[in-house]
């Protein structure tokens, strides 16, 4: 039996408990040091499997070969961020509706890239499905809200107007 799976304490008692210890993983506590026989002083069953690394999301590889410069390897996220930056600039320059629509379109474009491309670099944050749903729903919500912005909305949804008038009545 290895030192990791050997129960702490007396060796005779440990032999009887050793069969039970083999069925459950026993991990030596990180702060305990082994004694002169190599048996750990304390053992814990809290975290039998220690995570040593984080798996990259599917599609989280490089979008260009390894020898390409860093911006070329991460072109999908840079494209989305560039369009969002342009949208924020337009919004700051008093073109609110066009700027916010551009921000929503950038997120929708990120969802399409996440669906269509096998490797998107840092655009991959979670699983492919979760990224597509997150980018798509947020992009669609931003576009719809920009189209409904006052004054002179491009899109009017009657039940939302009725709900607003019902809740704001004095």
N, C-alpha and C. Protein backbone atom coordinates (compact mmCIF):
# COMPACT_ATOMS: atom_id res chain seq x y z
N UNK A 1 0.85 -1.17 0.00
CA UNK A 1 0.00 0.00 0.00
C UNK A 1 0.89 1.23 0.00
N UNK A 2 0.53 2.23 -0.78
CA UNK A 2 1.36 3.43 -0.88
C UNK A 2 1.19 4.32 0.34
N UNK A 3 2.11 5.26 0.49
CA UNK A 3 2.05 6.17 1.64
C UNK A 3 0.83 7.08 1.55
N UNK A 4 0.35 7.35 0.34
CA UNK A 4 -0.82 8.22 0.20
C UNK A 4 -2.09 7.54 0.67
N UNK A 5 -2.20 6.24 0.42
CA UNK A 5 -3.44 5.55 0.75
C UNK A 5 -3.39 4.89 2.12
N UNK A 6 -2.23 4.95 2.83
CA UNK A 6 -2.10 4.32 4.13
C UNK A 6 -2.75 5.19 5.20
N UNK A 7 -3.63 4.64 6.00
CA UNK A 7 -4.26 5.44 7.05
C UNK A 7 -3.25 5.86 8.10
N UNK A 8 -3.52 6.98 8.74
CA UNK A 8 -2.63 7.48 9.79
C UNK A 8 -2.86 6.71 11.07
N UNK A 9 -1.84 6.70 11.89
CA UNK A 9 -2.01 6.07 13.20
C UNK A 9 -1.25 4.77 13.30
N UNK A 10 -1.74 3.88 14.12
CA UNK A 10 -1.08 2.64 14.48
C UNK A 10 -1.10 1.64 13.31
N UNK A 11 0.00 0.90 13.03
CA UNK A 11 0.09 0.03 11.87
C UNK A 11 -0.87 -1.17 11.91
N UNK A 12 -1.11 -1.75 13.11
CA UNK A 12 -2.05 -2.89 13.17
C UNK A 12 -3.46 -2.42 12.86
N UNK A 13 -3.84 -1.32 13.45
CA UNK A 13 -5.16 -0.77 13.19
C UNK A 13 -5.28 -0.33 11.74
N UNK A 14 -4.18 0.17 11.19
CA UNK A 14 -4.16 0.61 9.81
C UNK A 14 -4.37 -0.53 8.84
N UNK A 15 -3.90 -1.76 9.17
CA UNK A 15 -4.07 -2.90 8.27
C UNK A 15 -5.55 -3.25 8.13
N UNK A 16 -6.30 -3.16 9.23
CA UNK A 16 -7.74 -3.47 9.17
C UNK A 16 -8.48 -2.38 8.41
N UNK A 17 -8.07 -1.15 8.59
CA UNK A 17 -8.73 -0.06 7.90
C UNK A 17 -8.21 0.11 6.48
N UNK A 18 -7.09 -0.52 6.17
CA UNK A 18 -6.48 -0.38 4.86
C UNK A 18 -7.38 -0.87 3.75
N UNK A 19 -8.12 -1.95 4.00
CA UNK A 19 -9.03 -2.45 2.98
C UNK A 19 -10.13 -1.44 2.69
N UNK A 20 -10.61 -0.75 3.73
CA UNK A 20 -11.62 0.28 3.53
C UNK A 20 -11.02 1.48 2.80
N UNK A 21 -9.78 1.80 3.11
CA UNK A 21 -9.14 2.96 2.51
C UNK A 21 -8.89 2.76 1.03
N UNK A 22 -8.75 1.48 0.60
CA UNK A 22 -8.51 1.24 -0.81
C UNK A 22 -9.73 1.54 -1.66
N UNK A 23 -10.93 1.44 -1.08
CA UNK A 23 -12.13 1.71 -1.86
C UNK A 23 -12.36 3.21 -2.03
N UNK A 24 -11.97 4.02 -1.05
CA UNK A 24 -12.12 5.47 -1.14
C UNK A 24 -10.75 6.09 -1.32
N UNK A 25 -10.63 7.04 -2.22
CA UNK A 25 -9.31 7.69 -2.36
C UNK A 25 -9.00 8.54 -1.15
N UNK A 26 -7.79 8.39 -0.66
CA UNK A 26 -7.34 9.17 0.49
C UNK A 26 -6.15 10.00 0.02
N UNK A 27 -6.20 11.27 0.27
CA UNK A 27 -5.16 12.17 -0.18
C UNK A 27 -4.47 12.74 1.04
N UNK A 28 -3.15 12.79 0.99
CA UNK A 28 -2.44 13.39 2.11
C UNK A 28 -2.72 14.88 2.13
N UNK A 29 -2.87 15.39 3.32
CA UNK A 29 -3.11 16.82 3.48
C UNK A 29 -1.87 17.58 3.06
N UNK A 30 -2.08 18.67 2.38
CA UNK A 30 -0.95 19.43 1.82
C UNK A 30 -0.03 19.98 2.90
N UNK A 31 -0.54 20.22 4.11
CA UNK A 31 0.29 20.83 5.14
C UNK A 31 0.92 19.79 6.05
N UNK A 32 0.56 18.51 5.93
CA UNK A 32 1.15 17.50 6.81
C UNK A 32 2.41 16.94 6.17
N UNK A 33 3.40 16.67 6.99
CA UNK A 33 4.65 16.08 6.52
C UNK A 33 4.70 14.63 6.98
N UNK A 34 5.33 13.75 6.19
CA UNK A 34 5.42 12.35 6.63
C UNK A 34 6.36 12.20 7.82
N UNK A 35 6.09 11.18 8.65
CA UNK A 35 6.98 10.93 9.79
C UNK A 35 8.20 10.15 9.31
N UNK A 36 8.99 9.59 10.23
CA UNK A 36 10.23 8.91 9.84
C UNK A 36 9.99 7.67 9.02
N UNK A 37 8.80 7.03 9.16
CA UNK A 37 8.49 5.84 8.36
C UNK A 37 7.89 6.20 7.00
N UNK A 38 7.67 7.47 6.75
CA UNK A 38 7.08 7.89 5.48
C UNK A 38 5.56 7.92 5.51
N UNK A 39 4.95 7.67 6.68
CA UNK A 39 3.50 7.69 6.81
C UNK A 39 3.06 9.12 7.14
N UNK A 40 2.09 9.65 6.43
CA UNK A 40 1.65 11.02 6.74
C UNK A 40 0.99 11.08 8.11
N UNK A 41 1.18 12.20 8.79
CA UNK A 41 0.59 12.37 10.12
C UNK A 41 -0.91 12.59 10.04
N UNK A 42 -1.37 13.32 9.03
CA UNK A 42 -2.81 13.57 8.86
C UNK A 42 -3.20 13.23 7.43
N UNK A 43 -4.38 12.71 7.26
CA UNK A 43 -4.92 12.48 5.92
C UNK A 43 -6.29 13.12 5.85
N UNK A 44 -6.72 13.44 4.65
CA UNK A 44 -8.02 14.05 4.47
C UNK A 44 -8.73 13.39 3.30
N UNK A 45 -10.04 13.38 3.33
CA UNK A 45 -10.84 12.84 2.23
C UNK A 45 -11.57 13.98 1.52
N UNK A 46 -11.19 15.21 1.79
CA UNK A 46 -11.94 16.36 1.27
C UNK A 46 -11.88 16.50 -0.24
N UNK A 47 -10.70 16.50 -0.81
CA UNK A 47 -10.55 16.73 -2.24
C UNK A 47 -9.72 15.60 -2.85
N UNK A 48 -10.37 14.50 -3.21
CA UNK A 48 -9.59 13.38 -3.72
C UNK A 48 -8.96 13.64 -5.08
N UNK A 49 -9.55 14.50 -5.88
CA UNK A 49 -8.98 14.80 -7.20
C UNK A 49 -8.63 16.28 -7.25
N UNK A 50 -7.38 16.56 -7.30
CA UNK A 50 -6.91 17.94 -7.30
C UNK A 50 -6.81 18.39 -8.76
N UNK A 51 -7.40 19.54 -9.07
CA UNK A 51 -7.31 20.08 -10.41
C UNK A 51 -5.95 20.74 -10.58
N UNK A 52 -5.19 20.26 -11.53
CA UNK A 52 -3.86 20.81 -11.76
C UNK A 52 -3.85 21.79 -12.93
N UNK A 53 -4.87 21.73 -13.80
CA UNK A 53 -4.89 22.60 -14.97
C UNK A 53 -6.34 22.83 -15.36
N UNK A 54 -6.58 23.88 -16.08
CA UNK A 54 -7.93 24.18 -16.56
C UNK A 54 -8.00 23.84 -18.04
N UNK A 55 -9.02 23.07 -18.40
CA UNK A 55 -9.18 22.70 -19.80
C UNK A 55 -9.65 23.91 -20.60
N UNK A 56 -9.08 24.08 -21.78
CA UNK A 56 -9.51 25.17 -22.64
C UNK A 56 -10.87 24.82 -23.23
N UNK A 57 -11.73 25.81 -23.49
CA UNK A 57 -13.01 25.52 -24.12
C UNK A 57 -12.80 25.00 -25.53
N UNK A 58 -13.76 24.23 -26.02
CA UNK A 58 -13.62 23.72 -27.37
C UNK A 58 -13.58 24.90 -28.34
N UNK A 59 -12.67 24.88 -29.26
CA UNK A 59 -12.49 26.00 -30.17
C UNK A 59 -11.57 27.05 -29.61
N UNK A 60 -11.00 26.80 -28.44
CA UNK A 60 -10.15 27.80 -27.79
C UNK A 60 -8.72 27.78 -28.26
N UNK A 61 -8.43 27.04 -29.34
CA UNK A 61 -7.07 27.00 -29.87
C UNK A 61 -6.74 28.28 -30.62
N UNK A 62 -5.59 28.28 -31.25
CA UNK A 62 -5.16 29.45 -32.00
C UNK A 62 -5.96 29.55 -33.29
N UNK A 63 -6.31 30.77 -33.69
CA UNK A 63 -7.04 30.99 -34.93
C UNK A 63 -6.09 31.13 -36.11
N UNK A 64 -4.79 31.11 -35.86
CA UNK A 64 -3.77 31.18 -36.90
C UNK A 64 -2.60 30.32 -36.43
N UNK A 65 -1.65 29.99 -37.30
CA UNK A 65 -0.51 29.16 -36.89
C UNK A 65 0.30 29.79 -35.77
N UNK A 66 1.04 28.94 -35.07
CA UNK A 66 1.84 29.38 -33.92
C UNK A 66 2.88 30.43 -34.29
N UNK A 67 3.43 30.36 -35.50
CA UNK A 67 4.48 31.31 -35.88
C UNK A 67 3.94 32.66 -36.33
N UNK A 68 2.62 32.81 -36.41
CA UNK A 68 2.02 34.10 -36.77
C UNK A 68 2.12 35.06 -35.58
N UNK A 69 2.16 36.37 -35.84
CA UNK A 69 2.20 37.33 -34.72
C UNK A 69 0.91 37.25 -33.89
N UNK A 70 1.00 37.70 -32.65
CA UNK A 70 -0.11 37.57 -31.70
C UNK A 70 -1.43 38.16 -32.22
N UNK A 71 -1.45 39.37 -32.82
CA UNK A 71 -2.73 39.88 -33.31
C UNK A 71 -3.35 39.00 -34.39
N UNK A 72 -2.54 38.39 -35.22
CA UNK A 72 -3.08 37.51 -36.27
C UNK A 72 -3.65 36.24 -35.67
N UNK A 73 -3.08 35.77 -34.57
CA UNK A 73 -3.60 34.55 -33.93
C UNK A 73 -4.94 34.79 -33.26
N UNK A 74 -5.21 36.01 -32.85
CA UNK A 74 -6.43 36.31 -32.10
C UNK A 74 -7.37 37.21 -32.90
N UNK A 75 -7.41 37.09 -34.21
CA UNK A 75 -8.20 37.98 -35.03
C UNK A 75 -9.69 37.94 -34.73
N UNK A 76 -10.31 36.83 -34.33
CA UNK A 76 -11.76 36.87 -34.08
C UNK A 76 -12.14 37.82 -32.93
N UNK A 77 -11.44 37.73 -31.81
CA UNK A 77 -11.78 38.60 -30.67
C UNK A 77 -11.41 40.04 -31.00
N UNK A 78 -10.32 40.25 -31.75
CA UNK A 78 -9.94 41.61 -32.13
C UNK A 78 -10.96 42.23 -33.08
N UNK A 79 -11.53 41.43 -33.97
CA UNK A 79 -12.57 41.95 -34.88
C UNK A 79 -13.80 42.38 -34.09
N UNK A 80 -14.24 41.55 -33.15
CA UNK A 80 -15.41 41.89 -32.34
C UNK A 80 -15.13 43.14 -31.51
N UNK A 81 -13.96 43.20 -30.88
CA UNK A 81 -13.62 44.37 -30.05
C UNK A 81 -13.48 45.64 -30.89
N UNK A 82 -12.97 45.54 -32.10
CA UNK A 82 -12.84 46.72 -32.97
C UNK A 82 -14.22 47.26 -33.35
N UNK A 83 -15.15 46.38 -33.67
CA UNK A 83 -16.50 46.84 -34.03
C UNK A 83 -17.20 47.42 -32.80
N UNK A 84 -17.03 46.79 -31.62
CA UNK A 84 -17.61 47.35 -30.39
C UNK A 84 -17.00 48.72 -30.11
N UNK A 85 -15.69 48.86 -30.28
CA UNK A 85 -15.04 50.17 -30.07
C UNK A 85 -15.57 51.22 -31.01
N UNK A 86 -15.78 50.85 -32.27
CA UNK A 86 -16.36 51.79 -33.23
C UNK A 86 -17.78 52.18 -32.82
N UNK A 87 -18.55 51.21 -32.34
CA UNK A 87 -19.91 51.50 -31.86
C UNK A 87 -19.90 52.43 -30.66
N UNK A 88 -18.97 52.21 -29.74
CA UNK A 88 -18.86 53.11 -28.58
C UNK A 88 -18.45 54.52 -29.01
N UNK A 89 -17.56 54.61 -30.00
CA UNK A 89 -17.16 55.92 -30.51
C UNK A 89 -18.34 56.64 -31.15
N UNK A 90 -19.12 55.93 -31.95
CA UNK A 90 -20.30 56.54 -32.56
C UNK A 90 -21.31 56.99 -31.49
N UNK A 91 -21.46 56.18 -30.47
CA UNK A 91 -22.37 56.54 -29.38
C UNK A 91 -21.88 57.80 -28.67
N UNK A 92 -20.58 57.89 -28.46
CA UNK A 92 -20.02 59.08 -27.81
C UNK A 92 -20.12 60.32 -28.69
N UNK A 93 -20.14 60.13 -30.01
CA UNK A 93 -20.23 61.26 -30.94
C UNK A 93 -21.68 61.58 -31.30
N UNK A 94 -22.60 61.20 -30.44
CA UNK A 94 -24.01 61.57 -30.55
C UNK A 94 -24.75 60.84 -31.68
N UNK A 95 -24.30 59.66 -32.02
CA UNK A 95 -25.05 58.80 -32.95
C UNK A 95 -25.45 57.55 -32.16
N UNK A 96 -26.27 57.79 -31.12
CA UNK A 96 -26.60 56.74 -30.15
C UNK A 96 -27.17 55.49 -30.81
N UNK A 97 -28.18 55.66 -31.62
CA UNK A 97 -28.86 54.50 -32.20
C UNK A 97 -27.92 53.67 -33.08
N UNK A 98 -27.17 54.33 -33.96
CA UNK A 98 -26.26 53.60 -34.85
C UNK A 98 -25.13 52.93 -34.06
N UNK A 99 -24.63 53.63 -33.06
CA UNK A 99 -23.55 53.06 -32.24
C UNK A 99 -23.98 51.83 -31.47
N UNK A 100 -25.15 51.90 -30.84
CA UNK A 100 -25.59 50.74 -30.06
C UNK A 100 -26.00 49.58 -30.97
N UNK A 101 -26.57 49.88 -32.13
CA UNK A 101 -26.86 48.80 -33.08
C UNK A 101 -25.57 48.14 -33.53
N UNK A 102 -24.53 48.92 -33.74
CA UNK A 102 -23.24 48.37 -34.14
C UNK A 102 -22.65 47.47 -33.05
N UNK A 103 -22.82 47.85 -31.80
CA UNK A 103 -22.35 47.01 -30.68
C UNK A 103 -23.10 45.68 -30.68
N UNK A 104 -24.43 45.72 -30.85
CA UNK A 104 -25.21 44.49 -30.90
C UNK A 104 -24.84 43.62 -32.09
N UNK A 105 -24.59 44.24 -33.23
CA UNK A 105 -24.19 43.49 -34.43
C UNK A 105 -22.81 42.85 -34.21
N UNK A 106 -21.93 43.51 -33.49
CA UNK A 106 -20.62 42.92 -33.19
C UNK A 106 -20.78 41.65 -32.36
N UNK A 107 -21.67 41.68 -31.37
CA UNK A 107 -21.90 40.48 -30.56
C UNK A 107 -22.56 39.38 -31.39
N UNK A 108 -23.49 39.74 -32.26
CA UNK A 108 -24.08 38.74 -33.15
C UNK A 108 -23.03 38.15 -34.09
N UNK A 109 -22.11 38.99 -34.56
CA UNK A 109 -21.01 38.50 -35.38
C UNK A 109 -20.10 37.55 -34.60
N UNK A 110 -19.89 37.84 -33.31
CA UNK A 110 -19.11 36.93 -32.47
C UNK A 110 -19.80 35.58 -32.32
N UNK A 111 -21.13 35.59 -32.22
CA UNK A 111 -21.87 34.34 -32.13
C UNK A 111 -21.74 33.54 -33.43
N UNK A 112 -21.80 34.24 -34.55
CA UNK A 112 -21.67 33.55 -35.85
C UNK A 112 -20.26 32.99 -36.02
N UNK A 113 -19.23 33.77 -35.63
CA UNK A 113 -17.86 33.26 -35.72
C UNK A 113 -17.66 32.07 -34.80
N UNK A 114 -18.25 32.12 -33.62
CA UNK A 114 -18.12 31.00 -32.67
C UNK A 114 -18.75 29.74 -33.23
N UNK A 115 -19.82 29.90 -34.01
CA UNK A 115 -20.51 28.76 -34.62
C UNK A 115 -19.75 28.24 -35.84
N UNK A 116 -19.24 29.15 -36.67
CA UNK A 116 -18.70 28.75 -37.97
C UNK A 116 -17.23 28.35 -37.94
N UNK A 117 -16.43 28.95 -37.08
CA UNK A 117 -14.99 28.71 -37.10
C UNK A 117 -14.60 27.63 -36.10
N UNK A 118 -13.66 26.74 -36.48
CA UNK A 118 -13.25 25.70 -35.55
C UNK A 118 -12.39 26.24 -34.40
N UNK A 119 -11.54 27.22 -34.66
CA UNK A 119 -10.68 27.82 -33.63
C UNK A 119 -10.86 29.32 -33.65
N UNK A 120 -11.26 29.88 -32.52
CA UNK A 120 -11.51 31.33 -32.44
C UNK A 120 -10.66 32.01 -31.39
N UNK A 121 -9.69 31.32 -30.84
CA UNK A 121 -8.80 31.92 -29.87
C UNK A 121 -9.53 32.36 -28.60
N UNK A 122 -9.28 33.59 -28.19
CA UNK A 122 -9.84 34.08 -26.94
C UNK A 122 -11.33 34.40 -27.01
N UNK A 123 -11.92 34.32 -28.17
CA UNK A 123 -13.37 34.49 -28.28
C UNK A 123 -14.09 33.31 -27.62
N UNK A 124 -13.41 32.18 -27.53
CA UNK A 124 -13.97 31.00 -26.86
C UNK A 124 -13.76 31.16 -25.36
N UNK A 125 -14.86 31.33 -24.63
CA UNK A 125 -14.78 31.50 -23.19
C UNK A 125 -15.35 30.27 -22.48
N UNK A 126 -16.46 29.79 -22.96
CA UNK A 126 -17.12 28.63 -22.38
C UNK A 126 -17.27 27.59 -23.48
N UNK A 127 -18.24 26.70 -23.35
CA UNK A 127 -18.47 25.73 -24.43
C UNK A 127 -19.02 26.48 -25.65
N UNK A 128 -18.94 25.86 -26.80
CA UNK A 128 -19.40 26.49 -28.04
C UNK A 128 -20.87 26.89 -27.93
N UNK A 129 -21.70 25.99 -27.43
CA UNK A 129 -23.14 26.26 -27.32
C UNK A 129 -23.40 27.44 -26.39
N UNK A 130 -22.76 27.45 -25.23
CA UNK A 130 -22.98 28.53 -24.27
C UNK A 130 -22.50 29.86 -24.81
N UNK A 131 -21.36 29.87 -25.48
CA UNK A 131 -20.86 31.12 -26.08
C UNK A 131 -21.82 31.64 -27.15
N UNK A 132 -22.30 30.74 -28.01
CA UNK A 132 -23.22 31.18 -29.08
C UNK A 132 -24.50 31.75 -28.49
N UNK A 133 -25.06 31.09 -27.49
CA UNK A 133 -26.31 31.57 -26.88
C UNK A 133 -26.06 32.91 -26.18
N UNK A 134 -24.97 33.01 -25.44
CA UNK A 134 -24.69 34.25 -24.70
C UNK A 134 -24.47 35.42 -25.65
N UNK A 135 -23.59 35.25 -26.63
CA UNK A 135 -23.33 36.33 -27.59
C UNK A 135 -24.59 36.67 -28.38
N UNK A 136 -25.33 35.65 -28.80
CA UNK A 136 -26.53 35.89 -29.61
C UNK A 136 -27.63 36.60 -28.85
N UNK A 137 -27.92 36.16 -27.62
CA UNK A 137 -29.00 36.78 -26.85
C UNK A 137 -28.64 38.22 -26.48
N UNK A 138 -27.40 38.43 -26.02
CA UNK A 138 -27.00 39.80 -25.67
C UNK A 138 -26.98 40.71 -26.90
N UNK A 139 -26.47 40.22 -28.02
CA UNK A 139 -26.45 41.02 -29.25
C UNK A 139 -27.85 41.36 -29.72
N UNK A 140 -28.75 40.38 -29.71
CA UNK A 140 -30.13 40.62 -30.14
C UNK A 140 -30.82 41.60 -29.20
N UNK A 141 -30.62 41.46 -27.90
CA UNK A 141 -31.24 42.37 -26.94
C UNK A 141 -30.75 43.81 -27.15
N UNK A 142 -29.46 43.98 -27.39
CA UNK A 142 -28.92 45.33 -27.60
C UNK A 142 -29.49 45.94 -28.88
N UNK A 143 -29.55 45.14 -29.95
CA UNK A 143 -30.10 45.66 -31.22
C UNK A 143 -31.57 46.04 -31.04
N UNK A 144 -32.37 45.18 -30.41
CA UNK A 144 -33.79 45.48 -30.23
C UNK A 144 -34.00 46.71 -29.34
N UNK A 145 -33.23 46.81 -28.27
CA UNK A 145 -33.37 47.98 -27.40
C UNK A 145 -32.95 49.26 -28.12
N UNK A 146 -31.93 49.18 -28.96
CA UNK A 146 -31.51 50.36 -29.72
C UNK A 146 -32.59 50.77 -30.71
N UNK A 147 -33.26 49.80 -31.30
CA UNK A 147 -34.31 50.13 -32.25
C UNK A 147 -35.57 50.67 -31.57
N UNK A 148 -35.75 50.37 -30.28
CA UNK A 148 -36.93 50.85 -29.55
C UNK A 148 -36.65 52.14 -28.79
N UNK A 149 -35.43 52.67 -28.88
CA UNK A 149 -35.06 53.86 -28.10
C UNK A 149 -35.87 55.07 -28.55
N UNK A 150 -36.18 55.91 -27.59
CA UNK A 150 -36.93 57.15 -27.85
C UNK A 150 -35.95 58.27 -28.17
N UNK A 151 -36.27 59.30 -28.85
CA UNK A 151 -37.52 59.58 -29.53
C UNK A 151 -37.54 58.92 -30.92
N UNK A 152 -38.70 58.80 -31.46
CA UNK A 152 -38.95 58.21 -32.78
C UNK A 152 -38.37 56.80 -32.91
N UNK A 153 -38.93 55.86 -32.16
CA UNK A 153 -38.41 54.48 -32.24
C UNK A 153 -38.64 53.87 -33.62
N UNK A 154 -37.70 53.06 -34.06
CA UNK A 154 -37.83 52.35 -35.32
C UNK A 154 -38.69 51.11 -35.15
N UNK A 155 -38.81 50.62 -33.93
CA UNK A 155 -39.56 49.41 -33.64
C UNK A 155 -40.48 49.70 -32.45
N UNK A 156 -41.75 49.44 -32.62
CA UNK A 156 -42.70 49.62 -31.53
C UNK A 156 -43.36 48.29 -31.21
N UNK A 157 -43.32 47.93 -29.94
CA UNK A 157 -43.97 46.70 -29.48
C UNK A 157 -45.13 47.14 -28.60
N UNK A 158 -46.39 46.94 -29.08
CA UNK A 158 -47.56 47.51 -28.40
C UNK A 158 -47.72 47.06 -26.95
N UNK A 159 -47.49 45.78 -26.64
CA UNK A 159 -47.74 45.35 -25.27
C UNK A 159 -46.74 45.95 -24.30
N UNK A 160 -45.53 46.30 -24.76
CA UNK A 160 -44.58 46.98 -23.88
C UNK A 160 -45.04 48.40 -23.57
N UNK A 161 -45.60 49.08 -24.57
CA UNK A 161 -46.12 50.43 -24.35
C UNK A 161 -47.29 50.41 -23.37
N UNK A 162 -48.19 49.44 -23.53
CA UNK A 162 -49.31 49.31 -22.60
C UNK A 162 -48.83 49.00 -21.19
N UNK A 163 -47.82 48.15 -21.08
CA UNK A 163 -47.27 47.81 -19.76
C UNK A 163 -46.66 49.03 -19.10
N UNK A 164 -45.95 49.83 -19.86
CA UNK A 164 -45.33 51.03 -19.30
C UNK A 164 -46.39 52.01 -18.82
N UNK A 165 -47.43 52.23 -19.63
CA UNK A 165 -48.49 53.17 -19.23
C UNK A 165 -49.27 52.64 -18.03
N UNK A 166 -49.42 51.34 -17.93
CA UNK A 166 -50.14 50.76 -16.80
C UNK A 166 -49.36 50.90 -15.51
N UNK A 167 -48.04 50.75 -15.57
CA UNK A 167 -47.23 50.81 -14.35
C UNK A 167 -46.91 52.23 -13.92
N UNK A 168 -46.94 53.21 -14.84
CA UNK A 168 -46.55 54.57 -14.52
C UNK A 168 -47.76 55.45 -14.18
N UNK A 169 -48.96 54.96 -14.37
CA UNK A 169 -50.15 55.77 -14.09
C UNK A 169 -50.15 56.32 -12.67
N UNK A 170 -50.59 57.53 -12.53
CA UNK A 170 -50.62 58.15 -11.20
C UNK A 170 -51.95 57.94 -10.52
